[in-house]
C-alpha atoms as a PDB file:
ATOM      1  CA  UNK A   1      24.876 -38.598  46.783  1.00  0.00           C
ATOM      2  CA  UNK A   2      21.462 -37.698  47.355  1.00  0.00           C
ATOM      3  CA  UNK A   3      22.463 -33.799  46.011  1.00  0.00           C
ATOM      4  CA  UNK A   4      23.742 -35.735  42.700  1.00  0.00           C
ATOM      5  CA  UNK A   5      20.476 -37.581  42.630  1.00  0.00           C
ATOM      6  CA  UNK A   6      18.202 -34.844  42.604  1.00  0.00           C
ATOM      7  CA  UNK A   7      19.822 -33.120  40.302  1.00  0.00           C
ATOM      8  CA  UNK A   8      20.092 -35.983  37.457  1.00  0.00           C
ATOM      9  CA  UNK A   9      16.449 -36.476  38.373  1.00  0.00           C
ATOM     10  CA  UNK A  10      15.881 -33.084  37.480  1.00  0.00           C
ATOM     11  CA  UNK A  11      18.083 -32.995  34.038  1.00  0.00           C
ATOM     12  CA  UNK A  12      15.792 -36.222  33.579  1.00  0.00           C
ATOM     13  CA  UNK A  13      12.288 -34.119  33.912  1.00  0.00           C
ATOM     14  CA  UNK A  14      13.964 -31.866  31.833  1.00  0.00           C
ATOM     15  CA  UNK A  15      14.539 -33.920  28.942  1.00  0.00           C
ATOM     16  CA  UNK A  16      11.405 -35.777  29.293  1.00  0.00           C
ATOM     17  CA  UNK A  17       9.404 -32.159  28.790  1.00  0.00           C
ATOM     18  CA  UNK A  18      11.362 -31.551  25.994  1.00  0.00           C
ATOM     19  CA  UNK A  19      10.708 -35.029  24.558  1.00  0.00           C
ATOM     20  CA  UNK A  20       6.744 -34.816  25.219  1.00  0.00           C
ATOM     21  CA  UNK A  21       6.438 -31.390  23.769  1.00  0.00           C
ATOM     22  CA  UNK A  22       3.756 -31.104  20.961  1.00  0.00           C
ATOM     23  CA  UNK A  23       4.191 -29.581  17.797  1.00  0.00           C
ATOM     24  CA  UNK A  24       2.354 -26.269  19.204  1.00  0.00           C
ATOM     25  CA  UNK A  25       5.219 -25.832  21.925  1.00  0.00           C
ATOM     26  CA  UNK A  26       8.052 -27.112  19.324  1.00  0.00           C
ATOM     27  CA  UNK A  27       6.662 -24.573  16.836  1.00  0.00           C
ATOM     28  CA  UNK A  28       6.995 -21.737  19.139  1.00  0.00           C
ATOM     29  CA  UNK A  29       3.337 -20.205  17.391  1.00  0.00           C
ATOM     30  CA  UNK A  30       2.937 -17.041  19.081  1.00  0.00           C
ATOM     31  CA  UNK A  31      -0.856 -17.207  19.219  1.00  0.00           C
ATOM     32  CA  UNK A  32      -1.441 -13.398  19.898  1.00  0.00           C
ATOM     33  CA  UNK A  33      -0.611 -13.072  16.412  1.00  0.00           C
ATOM     34  CA  UNK A  34      -2.736 -15.008  14.611  1.00  0.00           C
ATOM     35  CA  UNK A  35      -6.232 -13.552  14.038  1.00  0.00           C
ATOM     36  CA  UNK A  36      -9.597 -15.525  15.384  1.00  0.00           C
ATOM     37  CA  UNK A  37     -13.087 -15.718  15.037  1.00  0.00           C
ATOM     38  CA  UNK A  38     -15.526 -16.287  17.886  1.00  0.00           C
ATOM     39  CA  UNK A  39     -18.041 -19.411  17.616  1.00  0.00           C
ATOM     40  CA  UNK A  40     -20.924 -20.091  19.586  1.00  0.00           C
ATOM     41  CA  UNK A  41     -21.838 -23.622  20.405  1.00  0.00           C
ATOM     42  CA  UNK A  42     -25.133 -24.619  21.230  1.00  0.00           C
ATOM     43  CA  UNK A  43     -26.622 -27.695  22.929  1.00  0.00           C
ATOM     44  CA  UNK A  44     -28.595 -29.565  20.408  1.00  0.00           C
ATOM     45  CA  UNK A  45     -30.315 -31.774  22.355  1.00  0.00           C
ATOM     46  CA  UNK A  46     -31.984 -34.757  20.832  1.00  0.00           C
ATOM     47  CA  UNK A  47     -31.779 -32.941  17.163  1.00  0.00           C
ATOM     48  CA  UNK A  48     -30.586 -35.789  14.713  1.00  0.00           C
ATOM     49  CA  UNK A  49     -29.728 -35.972  10.714  1.00  0.00           C
ATOM     50  CA  UNK A  50     -33.329 -37.442  10.178  1.00  0.00           C
ATOM     51  CA  UNK A  51     -35.441 -34.670  12.726  1.00  0.00           C
ATOM     52  CA  UNK A  52     -33.331 -32.217  10.755  1.00  0.00           C
ATOM     53  CA  UNK A  53     -35.027 -33.546   7.449  1.00  0.00           C
ATOM     54  CA  UNK A  54     -38.656 -33.859   8.660  1.00  0.00           C
ATOM     55  CA  UNK A  55     -40.908 -31.065   8.071  1.00  0.00           C
ATOM     56  CA  UNK A  56     -43.415 -31.814  11.300  1.00  0.00           C
ATOM     57  CA  UNK A  57     -39.785 -31.564  13.564  1.00  0.00           C
ATOM     58  CA  UNK A  58     -38.112 -29.561  11.717  1.00  0.00           C
ATOM     59  CA  UNK A  59     -39.629 -25.918  11.024  1.00  0.00           C
ATOM     60  CA  UNK A  60     -36.526 -25.408   8.244  1.00  0.00           C
ATOM     61  CA  UNK A  61     -36.796 -28.943   6.703  1.00  0.00           C
ATOM     62  CA  UNK A  62     -38.584 -28.259   3.409  1.00  0.00           C
ATOM     63  CA  UNK A  63     -36.198 -25.330   2.713  1.00  0.00           C
ATOM     64  CA  UNK A  64     -33.349 -27.100   3.742  1.00  0.00           C
ATOM     65  CA  UNK A  65     -34.274 -30.056   1.442  1.00  0.00           C
ATOM     66  CA  UNK A  66     -35.739 -28.206  -1.692  1.00  0.00           C
ATOM     67  CA  UNK A  67     -33.229 -24.748  -1.601  1.00  0.00           C
ATOM     68  CA  UNK A  68     -29.851 -26.927  -1.072  1.00  0.00           C
ATOM     69  CA  UNK A  69     -29.486 -25.087   2.069  1.00  0.00           C
ATOM     70  CA  UNK A  70     -27.180 -25.238   4.796  1.00  0.00           C
ATOM     71  CA  UNK A  71     -27.218 -25.399   8.989  1.00  0.00           C
ATOM     72  CA  UNK A  72     -24.931 -22.599   8.885  1.00  0.00           C
ATOM     73  CA  UNK A  73     -27.543 -20.455   6.152  1.00  0.00           C
ATOM     74  CA  UNK A  74     -29.959 -20.688   8.083  1.00  0.00           C
ATOM     75  CA  UNK A  75     -28.513 -20.424  11.854  1.00  0.00           C
ATOM     76  CA  UNK A  76     -25.433 -18.870  11.871  1.00  0.00           C
ATOM     77  CA  UNK A  77     -26.184 -15.947  14.477  1.00  0.00           C
ATOM     78  CA  UNK A  78     -29.545 -17.953  16.104  1.00  0.00           C
ATOM     79  CA  UNK A  79     -27.216 -20.462  18.228  1.00  0.00           C
ATOM     80  CA  UNK A  80     -27.385 -18.966  21.800  1.00  0.00           C
ATOM     81  CA  UNK A  81     -31.084 -18.537  21.100  1.00  0.00           C
ATOM     82  CA  UNK A  82     -31.416 -22.353  20.006  1.00  0.00           C
ATOM     83  CA  UNK A  83     -29.317 -23.655  22.272  1.00  0.00           C
ATOM     84  CA  UNK A  84     -31.527 -21.747  25.531  1.00  0.00           C
ATOM     85  CA  UNK A  85     -34.785 -23.098  23.951  1.00  0.00           C
ATOM     86  CA  UNK A  86     -33.100 -26.908  23.965  1.00  0.00           C
ATOM     87  CA  UNK A  87     -31.408 -27.702  26.632  1.00  0.00           C
ATOM     88  CA  UNK A  88     -34.730 -27.084  29.061  1.00  0.00           C
ATOM     89  CA  UNK A  89     -36.625 -29.765  27.436  1.00  0.00           C
ATOM     90  CA  UNK A  90     -39.357 -27.060  27.361  1.00  0.00           C
ATOM     91  CA  UNK A  91     -41.629 -26.474  23.557  1.00  0.00           C
ATOM     92  CA  UNK A  92     -39.785 -24.739  21.284  1.00  0.00           C
ATOM     93  CA  UNK A  93     -41.693 -21.278  20.144  1.00  0.00           C
ATOM     94  CA  UNK A  94     -42.154 -20.301  16.556  1.00  0.00           C
ATOM     95  CA  UNK A  95     -44.287 -17.769  14.807  1.00  0.00           C
ATOM     96  CA  UNK A  96     -46.357 -20.386  13.548  1.00  0.00           C
ATOM     97  CA  UNK A  97     -46.694 -22.304  17.359  1.00  0.00           C
ATOM     98  CA  UNK A  98     -44.635 -24.455  19.269  1.00  0.00           C
ATOM     99  CA  UNK A  99     -43.307 -27.278  18.830  1.00  0.00           C
ATOM    100  CA  UNK A 100     -42.495 -30.252  21.455  1.00  0.00           C
ATOM    101  CA  UNK A 101     -38.798 -29.955  23.243  1.00  0.00           C
ATOM    102  CA  UNK A 102     -36.258 -32.245  22.346  1.00  0.00           C
ATOM    103  CA  UNK A 103     -34.499 -33.035  24.870  1.00  0.00           C
ATOM    104  CA  UNK A 104     -36.207 -35.641  27.159  1.00  0.00           C
ATOM    105  CA  UNK A 105     -33.714 -35.678  30.460  1.00  0.00           C
ATOM    106  CA  UNK A 106     -32.725 -32.087  30.849  1.00  0.00           C
ATOM    107  CA  UNK A 107     -29.542 -31.558  32.933  1.00  0.00           C
ATOM    108  CA  UNK A 108     -30.637 -28.868  35.310  1.00  0.00           C
ATOM    109  CA  UNK A 109     -28.640 -25.543  35.819  1.00  0.00           C
ATOM    110  CA  UNK A 110     -26.722 -26.397  32.706  1.00  0.00           C
ATOM    111  CA  UNK A 111     -26.219 -23.208  30.089  1.00  0.00           C
ATOM    112  CA  UNK A 112     -27.754 -23.347  26.634  1.00  0.00           C
ATOM    113  CA  UNK A 113     -24.598 -22.315  24.875  1.00  0.00           C
ATOM    114  CA  UNK A 114     -20.717 -21.844  25.325  1.00  0.00           C
ATOM    115  CA  UNK A 115     -18.478 -19.836  23.089  1.00  0.00           C
ATOM    116  CA  UNK A 116     -14.809 -20.648  21.729  1.00  0.00           C
ATOM    117  CA  UNK A 117     -12.139 -18.245  20.049  1.00  0.00           C
ATOM    118  CA  UNK A 118     -11.074 -20.430  17.340  1.00  0.00           C
ATOM    119  CA  UNK A 119      -7.854 -19.672  15.428  1.00  0.00           C
ATOM    120  CA  UNK A 120      -5.775 -22.026  12.977  1.00  0.00           C
ATOM    121  CA  UNK A 121      -1.957 -21.824  11.831  1.00  0.00           C
ATOM    122  CA  UNK A 122       0.580 -24.511  10.548  1.00  0.00           C
ATOM    123  CA  UNK A 123       4.466 -24.691  10.438  1.00  0.00           C
ATOM    124  CA  UNK A 124       5.124 -26.217   7.498  1.00  0.00           C
ATOM    125  CA  UNK A 125       4.918 -29.695   9.044  1.00  0.00           C
ATOM    126  CA  UNK A 126       1.952 -29.249  11.800  1.00  0.00           C
ATOM    127  CA  UNK A 127      -1.711 -27.943  11.349  1.00  0.00           C
ATOM    128  CA  UNK A 128      -2.356 -26.368  14.677  1.00  0.00           C
ATOM    129  CA  UNK A 129      -5.885 -25.763  16.551  1.00  0.00           C
ATOM    130  CA  UNK A 130      -6.009 -23.300  19.073  1.00  0.00           C
ATOM    131  CA  UNK A 131      -8.971 -22.580  20.820  1.00  0.00           C
ATOM    132  CA  UNK A 132     -10.182 -20.040  24.041  1.00  0.00           C
ATOM    133  CA  UNK A 133     -12.975 -21.441  25.567  1.00  0.00           C
ATOM    134  CA  UNK A 134     -15.527 -19.728  28.081  1.00  0.00           C
ATOM    135  CA  UNK A 135     -17.132 -22.427  29.601  1.00  0.00           C
ATOM    136  CA  UNK A 136     -19.889 -20.980  31.530  1.00  0.00           C
ATOM    137  CA  UNK A 137     -20.725 -22.397  35.449  1.00  0.00           C
ATOM    138  CA  UNK A 138     -20.977 -25.922  34.175  1.00  0.00           C
ATOM    139  CA  UNK A 139     -23.333 -28.351  36.551  1.00  0.00           C
ATOM    140  CA  UNK A 140     -21.350 -32.058  37.545  1.00  0.00           C
ATOM    141  CA  UNK A 141     -23.734 -34.350  35.053  1.00  0.00           C
ATOM    142  CA  UNK A 142     -21.403 -37.551  36.827  1.00  0.00           C
ATOM    143  CA  UNK A 143     -21.496 -39.010  33.205  1.00  0.00           C
ATOM    144  CA  UNK A 144     -17.921 -39.188  32.420  1.00  0.00           C
ATOM    145  CA  UNK A 145     -16.592 -39.193  35.961  1.00  0.00           C
ATOM    146  CA  UNK A 146     -12.512 -39.653  34.647  1.00  0.00           C
ATOM    147  CA  UNK A 147     -13.326 -36.343  31.759  1.00  0.00           C
ATOM    148  CA  UNK A 148     -14.206 -33.360  33.348  1.00  0.00           C
ATOM    149  CA  UNK A 149     -14.077 -31.406  29.659  1.00  0.00           C
ATOM    150  CA  UNK A 150     -13.573 -33.218  26.100  1.00  0.00           C
ATOM    151  CA  UNK A 151     -12.804 -30.630  23.203  1.00  0.00           C
ATOM    152  CA  UNK A 152     -13.319 -32.256  19.679  1.00  0.00           C
ATOM    153  CA  UNK A 153     -12.575 -30.909  16.510  1.00  0.00           C
ATOM    154  CA  UNK A 154     -14.392 -32.808  13.511  1.00  0.00           C
ATOM    155  CA  UNK A 155     -12.358 -32.151  10.009  1.00  0.00           C
ATOM    156  CA  UNK A 156     -13.925 -33.451   6.712  1.00  0.00           C
ATOM    157  CA  UNK A 157     -12.493 -33.354   3.096  1.00  0.00           C
ATOM    158  CA  UNK A 158     -15.394 -34.477   1.377  1.00  0.00           C
ATOM    159  CA  UNK A 159     -18.148 -32.467  -0.630  1.00  0.00           C
ATOM    160  CA  UNK A 160     -20.970 -35.079   0.035  1.00  0.00           C
ATOM    161  CA  UNK A 161     -23.777 -33.108   0.137  1.00  0.00           C
ATOM    162  CA  UNK A 162     -24.783 -34.184   3.868  1.00  0.00           C
ATOM    163  CA  UNK A 163     -21.222 -33.436   4.734  1.00  0.00           C
ATOM    164  CA  UNK A 164     -20.828 -29.952   3.787  1.00  0.00           C
ATOM    165  CA  UNK A 165     -24.285 -28.868   4.414  1.00  0.00           C
ATOM    166  CA  UNK A 166     -25.102 -30.566   7.943  1.00  0.00           C
ATOM    167  CA  UNK A 167     -21.337 -30.467   9.115  1.00  0.00           C
ATOM    168  CA  UNK A 168     -21.708 -32.736  12.398  1.00  0.00           C
ATOM    169  CA  UNK A 169     -24.985 -33.181  12.337  1.00  0.00           C
ATOM    170  CA  UNK A 170     -24.703 -35.835   9.052  1.00  0.00           C
ATOM    171  CA  UNK A 171     -23.257 -38.536  11.446  1.00  0.00           C
ATOM    172  CA  UNK A 172     -25.821 -37.795  14.072  1.00  0.00           C
ATOM    173  CA  UNK A 173     -28.550 -40.166  13.885  1.00  0.00           C
ATOM    174  CA  UNK A 174     -31.943 -41.068  15.455  1.00  0.00           C
ATOM    175  CA  UNK A 175     -31.325 -44.790  16.351  1.00  0.00           C
ATOM    176  CA  UNK A 176     -27.721 -43.595  18.042  1.00  0.00           C
ATOM    177  CA  UNK A 177     -27.231 -44.482  21.605  1.00  0.00           C
ATOM    178  CA  UNK A 178     -29.438 -42.407  23.996  1.00  0.00           C
ATOM    179  CA  UNK A 179     -31.610 -41.115  20.439  1.00  0.00           C
ATOM    180  CA  UNK A 180     -35.111 -41.502  20.458  1.00  0.00           C
ATOM    181  CA  UNK A 181     -35.283 -44.449  17.686  1.00  0.00           C
ATOM    182  CA  UNK A 182     -32.323 -46.249  19.815  1.00  0.00           C
ATOM    183  CA  UNK A 183     -34.441 -48.806  21.136  1.00  0.00           C
ATOM    184  CA  UNK A 184     -31.909 -49.799  24.032  1.00  0.00           C
ATOM    185  CA  UNK A 185     -29.228 -50.503  20.760  1.00  0.00           C
ATOM    186  CA  UNK A 186     -25.389 -49.271  21.111  1.00  0.00           C
ATOM    187  CA  UNK A 187     -24.506 -47.483  18.065  1.00  0.00           C
ATOM    188  CA  UNK A 188     -21.631 -45.029  17.517  1.00  0.00           C
ATOM    189  CA  UNK A 189     -21.422 -41.888  14.652  1.00  0.00           C
ATOM    190  CA  UNK A 190     -22.033 -43.006  11.131  1.00  0.00           C
ATOM    191  CA  UNK A 191     -22.497 -41.486   7.870  1.00  0.00           C
ATOM    192  CA  UNK A 192     -25.633 -41.840   6.075  1.00  0.00           C
ATOM    193  CA  UNK A 193     -23.949 -43.241   2.528  1.00  0.00           C
ATOM    194  CA  UNK A 194     -22.409 -46.478   4.071  1.00  0.00           C
ATOM    195  CA  UNK A 195     -26.058 -47.639   4.961  1.00  0.00           C
ATOM    196  CA  UNK A 196     -28.276 -49.308   2.950  1.00  0.00           C
ATOM    197  CA  UNK A 197     -31.052 -47.693   3.624  1.00  0.00           C
ATOM    198  CA  UNK A 198     -31.977 -44.473   5.639  1.00  0.00           C
ATOM    199  CA  UNK A 199     -35.689 -43.679   7.520  1.00  0.00           C
ATOM    200  CA  UNK A 200     -36.956 -41.302   9.563  1.00  0.00           C
ATOM    201  CA  UNK A 201     -35.551 -43.728  12.218  1.00  0.00           C
ATOM    202  CA  UNK A 202     -32.107 -43.704  10.888  1.00  0.00           C
ATOM    203  CA  UNK A 203     -30.280 -46.319   9.160  1.00  0.00           C
ATOM    204  CA  UNK A 204     -30.025 -49.313  11.139  1.00  0.00           C
ATOM    205  CA  UNK A 205     -26.852 -51.264  10.601  1.00  0.00           C
ATOM    206  CA  UNK A 206     -27.201 -52.788   7.191  1.00  0.00           C
ATOM    207  CA  UNK A 207     -24.594 -51.617   5.324  1.00  0.00           C
ATOM    208  CA  UNK A 208     -23.927 -51.334   1.138  1.00  0.00           C
ATOM    209  CA  UNK A 209     -21.482 -53.650  -0.085  1.00  0.00           C
ATOM    210  CA  UNK A 210     -17.925 -53.378   0.432  1.00  0.00           C
ATOM    211  CA  UNK A 211     -17.205 -52.290  -2.702  1.00  0.00           C
ATOM    212  CA  UNK A 212     -19.322 -49.003  -2.266  1.00  0.00           C
ATOM    213  CA  UNK A 213     -18.079 -48.868   1.139  1.00  0.00           C
ATOM    214  CA  UNK A 214     -14.385 -48.712  -0.465  1.00  0.00           C
ATOM    215  CA  UNK A 215     -14.618 -46.177  -3.268  1.00  0.00           C
ATOM    216  CA  UNK A 216     -16.883 -43.608  -0.187  1.00  0.00           C
ATOM    217  CA  UNK A 217     -13.734 -44.010   1.875  1.00  0.00           C
ATOM    218  CA  UNK A 218     -11.343 -43.164  -1.097  1.00  0.00           C
ATOM    219  CA  UNK A 219     -13.312 -40.475  -2.242  1.00  0.00           C
ATOM    220  CA  UNK A 220     -12.522 -39.018   1.113  1.00  0.00           C
ATOM    221  CA  UNK A 221     -16.167 -39.515   2.801  1.00  0.00           C
ATOM    222  CA  UNK A 222     -15.511 -39.754   6.425  1.00  0.00           C
ATOM    223  CA  UNK A 223     -14.913 -37.230   9.400  1.00  0.00           C
ATOM    224  CA  UNK A 224     -11.955 -37.162  11.041  1.00  0.00           C
ATOM    225  CA  UNK A 225     -12.087 -36.093  14.692  1.00  0.00           C
ATOM    226  CA  UNK A 226      -9.351 -34.307  17.102  1.00  0.00           C
ATOM    227  CA  UNK A 227     -10.174 -34.738  21.021  1.00  0.00           C
ATOM    228  CA  UNK A 228      -8.486 -33.818  24.000  1.00  0.00           C
ATOM    229  CA  UNK A 229      -9.496 -35.001  27.798  1.00  0.00           C
ATOM    230  CA  UNK A 230      -9.200 -31.982  30.228  1.00  0.00           C
ATOM    231  CA  UNK A 231      -8.948 -32.314  33.438  1.00  0.00           C
ATOM    232  CA  UNK A 232      -7.916 -29.277  36.224  1.00  0.00           C
ATOM    233  CA  UNK A 233      -4.337 -30.118  37.434  1.00  0.00           C
ATOM    234  CA  UNK A 234      -3.158 -32.487  34.941  1.00  0.00           C
ATOM    235  CA  UNK A 235      -1.852 -32.918  31.750  1.00  0.00           C
ATOM    236  CA  UNK A 236      -4.309 -33.320  28.651  1.00  0.00           C
ATOM    237  CA  UNK A 237      -4.732 -36.591  26.861  1.00  0.00           C
ATOM    238  CA  UNK A 238      -5.656 -37.008  23.610  1.00  0.00           C
ATOM    239  CA  UNK A 239      -8.334 -39.624  21.660  1.00  0.00           C
ATOM    240  CA  UNK A 240      -8.680 -39.581  17.933  1.00  0.00           C
ATOM    241  CA  UNK A 241     -11.403 -41.104  15.553  1.00  0.00           C
ATOM    242  CA  UNK A 242     -12.493 -41.672  11.845  1.00  0.00           C
ATOM    243  CA  UNK A 243     -16.559 -41.459  11.664  1.00  0.00           C
ATOM    244  CA  UNK A 244     -17.667 -43.033   8.719  1.00  0.00           C
ATOM    245  CA  UNK A 245     -19.961 -46.581   8.953  1.00  0.00           C
ATOM    246  CA  UNK A 246     -19.829 -45.798  12.960  1.00  0.00           C
ATOM    247  CA  UNK A 247     -16.694 -44.345  14.747  1.00  0.00           C
ATOM    248  CA  UNK A 248     -13.629 -45.875  15.252  1.00  0.00           C
ATOM    249  CA  UNK A 249     -10.290 -45.286  16.691  1.00  0.00           C
ATOM    250  CA  UNK A 250      -7.713 -44.176  14.204  1.00  0.00           C
ATOM    251  CA  UNK A 251      -4.185 -43.350  14.278  1.00  0.00           C
ATOM    252  CA  UNK A 252      -3.944 -39.678  13.739  1.00  0.00           C
ATOM    253  CA  UNK A 253      -0.244 -38.678  15.300  1.00  0.00           C
ATOM    254  CA  UNK A 254      -2.410 -36.053  17.862  1.00  0.00           C
ATOM    255  CA  UNK A 255      -1.145 -33.753  20.668  1.00  0.00           C
ATOM    256  CA  UNK A 256      -2.072 -30.999  23.021  1.00  0.00           C
ATOM    257  CA  UNK A 257      -1.330 -28.215  25.534  1.00  0.00           C
ATOM    258  CA  UNK A 258      -4.480 -26.753  27.906  1.00  0.00           C
ATOM    259  CA  UNK A 259      -4.356 -24.025  30.219  1.00  0.00           C
ATOM    260  CA  UNK A 260      -7.120 -22.673  32.545  1.00  0.00           C
ATOM    261  CA  UNK A 261      -6.957 -19.286  33.565  1.00  0.00           C
ATOM    262  CA  UNK A 262     -10.161 -16.726  34.544  1.00  0.00           C
ATOM    263  CA  UNK A 263     -13.158 -18.752  33.027  1.00  0.00           C
ATOM    264  CA  UNK A 264     -11.369 -19.345  29.898  1.00  0.00           C
ATOM    265  CA  UNK A 265      -9.866 -23.421  29.088  1.00  0.00           C
ATOM    266  CA  UNK A 266      -7.454 -23.036  26.131  1.00  0.00           C
ATOM    267  CA  UNK A 267      -6.657 -25.720  24.349  1.00  0.00           C
ATOM    268  CA  UNK A 268      -4.076 -26.308  21.118  1.00  0.00           C
ATOM    269  CA  UNK A 269      -4.385 -29.439  19.053  1.00  0.00           C
ATOM    270  CA  UNK A 270      -1.653 -30.511  16.407  1.00  0.00           C
ATOM    271  CA  UNK A 271      -0.911 -33.195  13.882  1.00  0.00           C
ATOM    272  CA  UNK A 272       0.312 -33.453  10.996  1.00  0.00           C
ATOM    273  CA  UNK A 273      -0.647 -32.135   7.962  1.00  0.00           C
ATOM    274  CA  UNK A 274       0.156 -35.080   5.718  1.00  0.00           C
ATOM    275  CA  UNK A 275      -0.196 -37.654   8.256  1.00  0.00           C
ATOM    276  CA  UNK A 276      -0.413 -40.443   5.588  1.00  0.00           C
ATOM    277  CA  UNK A 277      -2.657 -43.456   5.298  1.00  0.00           C
ATOM    278  CA  UNK A 278      -6.324 -43.337   5.023  1.00  0.00           C
ATOM    279  CA  UNK A 279      -6.106 -39.926   7.326  1.00  0.00           C
ATOM    280  CA  UNK A 280      -6.989 -36.735   6.162  1.00  0.00           C
ATOM    281  CA  UNK A 281      -3.773 -35.383   4.376  1.00  0.00           C
ATOM    282  CA  UNK A 282      -4.000 -31.423   4.912  1.00  0.00           C
ATOM    283  CA  UNK A 283      -2.839 -29.213   1.673  1.00  0.00           C
ATOM    284  CA  UNK A 284      -3.380 -25.981  -0.323  1.00  0.00           C
ATOM    285  CA  UNK A 285      -5.876 -25.531  -2.752  1.00  0.00           C
ATOM    286  CA  UNK A 286      -8.285 -27.851  -1.041  1.00  0.00           C
ATOM    287  CA  UNK A 287     -11.814 -26.181   1.031  1.00  0.00           C
ATOM    288  CA  UNK A 288     -11.940 -28.519   4.462  1.00  0.00           C
ATOM    289  CA  UNK A 289     -14.855 -28.326   7.016  1.00  0.00           C
ATOM    290  CA  UNK A 290     -14.841 -28.737  10.705  1.00  0.00           C
ATOM    291  CA  UNK A 291     -17.336 -28.557  12.917  1.00  0.00           C
ATOM    292  CA  UNK A 292     -16.649 -28.687  17.231  1.00  0.00           C
ATOM    293  CA  UNK A 293     -18.120 -30.295  20.384  1.00  0.00           C
ATOM    294  CA  UNK A 294     -17.742 -29.792  23.972  1.00  0.00           C
ATOM    295  CA  UNK A 295     -17.928 -32.202  26.893  1.00  0.00           C
ATOM    296  CA  UNK A 296     -18.197 -29.959  29.719  1.00  0.00           C
ATOM    297  CA  UNK A 297     -19.059 -30.884  33.141  1.00  0.00           C
ATOM    298  CA  UNK A 298     -18.534 -34.572  32.954  1.00  0.00           C
ATOM    299  CA  UNK A 299     -20.833 -35.139  30.302  1.00  0.00           C
ATOM    300  CA  UNK A 300     -20.648 -38.022  27.588  1.00  0.00           C
ATOM    301  CA  UNK A 301     -22.583 -39.056  24.322  1.00  0.00           C
ATOM    302  CA  UNK A 302     -24.974 -36.935  22.906  1.00  0.00           C
ATOM    303  CA  UNK A 303     -24.935 -34.224  26.163  1.00  0.00           C
ATOM    304  CA  UNK A 304     -22.310 -31.888  24.337  1.00  0.00           C
ATOM    305  CA  UNK A 305     -22.391 -28.369  22.872  1.00  0.00           C
ATOM    306  CA  UNK A 306     -22.027 -28.144  18.978  1.00  0.00           C
ATOM    307  CA  UNK A 307     -21.497 -25.636  16.280  1.00  0.00           C
ATOM    308  CA  UNK A 308     -22.414 -25.177  13.162  1.00  0.00           C
ATOM    309  CA  UNK A 309     -20.000 -26.565  10.107  1.00  0.00           C
ATOM    310  CA  UNK A 310     -16.896 -23.851   8.890  1.00  0.00           C
ATOM    311  CA  UNK A 311     -14.901 -23.995   6.373  1.00  0.00           C
ATOM    312  CA  UNK A 312     -10.793 -24.186   6.133  1.00  0.00           C
ATOM    313  CA  UNK A 313      -7.898 -23.946   4.149  1.00  0.00           C
ATOM    314  CA  UNK A 314      -4.352 -24.322   4.321  1.00  0.00           C
ATOM    315  CA  UNK A 315      -1.952 -21.189   3.409  1.00  0.00           C
ATOM    316  CA  UNK A 316      -4.517 -18.767   1.837  1.00  0.00           C
ATOM    317  CA  UNK A 317      -7.739 -18.973  -0.118  1.00  0.00           C
ATOM    318  CA  UNK A 318     -10.891 -17.955   0.692  1.00  0.00           C
ATOM    319  CA  UNK A 319     -12.739 -19.684   3.569  1.00  0.00           C
ATOM    320  CA  UNK A 320     -13.938 -18.723   6.955  1.00  0.00           C
ATOM    321  CA  UNK A 321     -10.512 -19.735   8.337  1.00  0.00           C
ATOM    322  CA  UNK A 322      -7.019 -20.015   7.218  1.00  0.00           C
ATOM    323  CA  UNK A 323      -4.394 -21.970   8.925  1.00  0.00           C
ATOM    324  CA  UNK A 324      -1.382 -19.403   7.744  1.00  0.00           C
ATOM    325  CA  UNK A 325       2.420 -21.153   8.082  1.00  0.00           C
ATOM    326  CA  UNK A 326       3.696 -19.156  11.312  1.00  0.00           C
END
């Protein structure tokens, strides 16, 4: 009876493993055969959307506003240098002189940047993104005891200027929690066009009329976040969000697989290409934008690493990344 019981448990465990396997595993993607590109993520400090648009705060603000430049256009290749300046909280050095630091509470010993090799693929049903992240040596910030690392991929299909040119910075505002103009308020990420008025201090809580919000949402003016929560020795868990007038939990059918070896954390996130409803339904012929965020060393909120915006297409086309069918 004891042997039979153990055998039954083993069979059930095997079945459970098959049932819970993510689409990445079920699809049998050979990630070694998928071309990848390295993306450097940098520590941004208290750099908000409003800060980026203010010439006294950000040296490239005037060019950004008058010449239609994007964050990527001006700062691609500069991420390591920016992160090294920002993470210490010290002054930022430019040719024209120093500007004040934008990190009032630096984390001692935290690297200014990390890197990830990023790959996309699809299996005809699911969109999959695979990241091999070089985390470096991370101090324990003790902000989020439940999660050692959180890896987030933010997608958008909107053609709105702030999202196209600013990526995830378009959702980060000066009056969010732990930002300079928060004044003790609790606010999540939001997109500026959903609010009645944007000032240097952010947009506050006043929203546009419901009809205007409905049109913005129907036009795809929102961000979709896929997140893996990682703790050593435990299966990854997932969370998904939609950022619009605020950040809310979403119904994205998300799965994650993770592993770690040789100082590299590997993460595969997967969801349906076309989940339906108000979510992003990925299809060939459309250019999507995405950015990455990584919370390392039990950090939370704005104490993360972020990437500049990149483009993505499904199956084939011209973009930074192509999610080819495998």
